[in-house]
Amino acid sequence: GVVTVKTEPLQITTELPGRTSAYRIAEVRPQVSGIILKRNFKEGSDIEAGVSLYQIDPATYQATYDSAKGDLAKAQAAANIAQLTVNRYQ
């Protein structure tokens, strides 16, 4: 018998045990404190500068804002009373 030989691609693979380590590591540090409600990225994905990474619970900041707004209104009322007093004595 005659055997015809033809060429075809052959993929040679070898599995070896090993470990990898990151070439660069980025540390993510918060600029504010609070309770994290949502993470806006997937681990390992590329992130551009300025992109929001987390959504933080606004309740604490809203309470502080509301308190400051109340203090401002109180100070404005005191300033108005003081101005009326000045106007009365002029």
C-alpha atoms as a PDB file:
ATOM      1  CA  GLY A   1       0.000   0.000   0.000  1.00  0.00           C
ATOM      2  CA  VAL A   2       0.867   3.589  -0.603  1.00  0.00           C
ATOM      3  CA  VAL A   3       0.606   6.156   2.212  1.00  0.00           C
ATOM      4  CA  THR A   4       0.268   9.823   1.247  1.00  0.00           C
ATOM      5  CA  VAL A   5       1.671  12.245   3.794  1.00  0.00           C
ATOM      6  CA  LYS A   6       0.476  15.836   3.944  1.00  0.00           C
ATOM      7  CA  THR A   7       1.367  18.746   6.256  1.00  0.00           C
ATOM      8  CA  GLU A   8      -1.064  20.387   8.603  1.00  0.00           C
ATOM      9  CA  PRO A   9      -0.661  22.828  11.509  1.00  0.00           C
ATOM     10  CA  LEU A  10       0.063  21.262  14.864  1.00  0.00           C
ATOM     11  CA  GLN A  11      -0.400  23.154  18.105  1.00  0.00           C
ATOM     12  CA  ILE A  12       1.946  22.104  20.871  1.00  0.00           C
ATOM     13  CA  THR A  13       0.950  23.144  24.373  1.00  0.00           C
ATOM     14  CA  THR A  14       2.424  22.489  27.746  1.00  0.00           C
ATOM     15  CA  GLU A  15       0.804  23.255  31.084  1.00  0.00           C
ATOM     16  CA  LEU A  16       3.178  24.219  33.851  1.00  0.00           C
ATOM     17  CA  PRO A  17       2.441  25.302  37.419  1.00  0.00           C
ATOM     18  CA  GLY A  18       3.418  28.864  38.299  1.00  0.00           C
ATOM     19  CA  ARG A  19       2.497  32.159  39.916  1.00  0.00           C
ATOM     20  CA  THR A  20       2.109  35.635  38.541  1.00  0.00           C
ATOM     21  CA  SER A  21       2.308  38.986  40.247  1.00  0.00           C
ATOM     22  CA  ALA A  22       1.129  42.409  39.151  1.00  0.00           C
ATOM     23  CA  TYR A  23       3.632  44.666  37.449  1.00  0.00           C
ATOM     24  CA  ARG A  24       1.931  47.763  38.858  1.00  0.00           C
ATOM     25  CA  ILE A  25      -0.448  48.087  41.784  1.00  0.00           C
ATOM     26  CA  ALA A  26      -2.816  51.020  42.316  1.00  0.00           C
ATOM     27  CA  GLU A  27      -3.981  51.897  45.796  1.00  0.00           C
ATOM     28  CA  VAL A  28      -7.469  53.343  46.021  1.00  0.00           C
ATOM     29  CA  ARG A  29      -7.903  55.662  48.986  1.00  0.00           C
ATOM     30  CA  PRO A  30     -11.042  57.608  49.872  1.00  0.00           C
ATOM     31  CA  GLN A  31     -11.117  61.393  49.912  1.00  0.00           C
ATOM     32  CA  VAL A  32     -14.180  61.335  52.168  1.00  0.00           C
ATOM     33  CA  SER A  33     -15.603  58.943  54.719  1.00  0.00           C
ATOM     34  CA  GLY A  34     -18.988  57.286  54.545  1.00  0.00           C
ATOM     35  CA  ILE A  35     -20.904  54.105  53.894  1.00  0.00           C
ATOM     36  CA  ILE A  36     -20.394  52.683  50.403  1.00  0.00           C
ATOM     37  CA  LEU A  37     -23.689  51.990  48.657  1.00  0.00           C
ATOM     38  CA  LYS A  38     -22.385  50.943  45.248  1.00  0.00           C
ATOM     39  CA  ARG A  39     -19.116  50.169  43.457  1.00  0.00           C
ATOM     40  CA  ASN A  40     -19.098  51.725  39.973  1.00  0.00           C
ATOM     41  CA  PHE A  41     -16.352  49.579  38.431  1.00  0.00           C
ATOM     42  CA  LYS A  42     -15.417  45.953  37.874  1.00  0.00           C
ATOM     43  CA  GLU A  43     -12.230  44.701  39.472  1.00  0.00           C
ATOM     44  CA  GLY A  44      -9.411  44.572  36.953  1.00  0.00           C
ATOM     45  CA  SER A  45     -11.050  46.997  34.529  1.00  0.00           C
ATOM     46  CA  ASP A  46      -9.361  50.147  33.226  1.00  0.00           C
ATOM     47  CA  ILE A  47     -10.440  53.345  34.967  1.00  0.00           C
ATOM     48  CA  GLU A  48      -9.966  56.862  33.628  1.00  0.00           C
ATOM     49  CA  ALA A  49      -9.007  59.812  35.827  1.00  0.00           C
ATOM     50  CA  GLY A  50     -11.964  61.662  37.311  1.00  0.00           C
ATOM     51  CA  VAL A  51     -14.406  58.751  37.100  1.00  0.00           C
ATOM     52  CA  SER A  52     -16.510  58.110  40.208  1.00  0.00           C
ATOM     53  CA  LEU A  53     -15.467  54.767  41.694  1.00  0.00           C
ATOM     54  CA  TYR A  54     -17.997  54.457  44.508  1.00  0.00           C
ATOM     55  CA  GLN A  55     -21.390  55.824  45.479  1.00  0.00           C
ATOM     56  CA  ILE A  56     -21.399  56.890  49.127  1.00  0.00           C
ATOM     57  CA  ASP A  57     -24.517  57.162  51.307  1.00  0.00           C
ATOM     58  CA  PRO A  58     -25.389  60.880  51.289  1.00  0.00           C
ATOM     59  CA  ALA A  59     -27.415  60.801  54.543  1.00  0.00           C
ATOM     60  CA  THR A  60     -24.587  62.039  56.792  1.00  0.00           C
ATOM     61  CA  TYR A  61     -23.614  64.783  54.374  1.00  0.00           C
ATOM     62  CA  GLN A  62     -27.254  65.766  53.823  1.00  0.00           C
ATOM     63  CA  ALA A  63     -27.776  66.093  57.590  1.00  0.00           C
ATOM     64  CA  THR A  64     -24.655  68.268  57.898  1.00  0.00           C
ATOM     65  CA  TYR A  65     -25.812  70.390  54.955  1.00  0.00           C
ATOM     66  CA  ASP A  66     -29.307  70.807  56.422  1.00  0.00           C
ATOM     67  CA  SER A  67     -27.820  71.802  59.787  1.00  0.00           C
ATOM     68  CA  ALA A  68     -25.523  74.360  58.147  1.00  0.00           C
ATOM     69  CA  LYS A  69     -28.447  75.708  56.128  1.00  0.00           C
ATOM     70  CA  GLY A  70     -30.438  76.130  59.363  1.00  0.00           C
ATOM     71  CA  ASP A  71     -27.483  77.882  61.025  1.00  0.00           C
ATOM     72  CA  LEU A  72     -27.226  80.217  58.022  1.00  0.00           C
ATOM     73  CA  ALA A  73     -30.936  81.097  58.218  1.00  0.00           C
ATOM     74  CA  LYS A  74     -30.561  81.758  61.956  1.00  0.00           C
ATOM     75  CA  ALA A  75     -27.524  84.000  61.366  1.00  0.00           C
ATOM     76  CA  GLN A  76     -29.332  85.881  58.579  1.00  0.00           C
ATOM     77  CA  ALA A  77     -32.319  86.465  60.862  1.00  0.00           C
ATOM     78  CA  ALA A  78     -29.997  87.770  63.603  1.00  0.00           C
ATOM     79  CA  ALA A  79     -28.308  90.059  61.057  1.00  0.00           C
ATOM     80  CA  ASN A  80     -31.702  91.391  59.937  1.00  0.00           C
ATOM     81  CA  ILE A  81     -32.700  92.084  63.540  1.00  0.00           C
ATOM     82  CA  ALA A  82     -29.385  93.845  64.143  1.00  0.00           C
ATOM     83  CA  GLN A  83     -29.879  95.951  60.985  1.00  0.00           C
ATOM     84  CA  LEU A  84     -33.398  96.915  62.098  1.00  0.00           C
ATOM     85  CA  THR A  85     -31.998  97.931  65.492  1.00  0.00           C
ATOM     86  CA  VAL A  86     -29.320 100.078  63.811  1.00  0.00           C
ATOM     87  CA  ASN A  87     -31.942 101.689  61.564  1.00  0.00           C
ATOM     88  CA  ARG A  88     -34.148 102.470  64.569  1.00  0.00           C
ATOM     89  CA  TYR A  89     -31.324 104.281  66.409  1.00  0.00           C
ATOM     90  CA  GLN A  90     -30.297 106.350  63.408  1.00  0.00           C
END
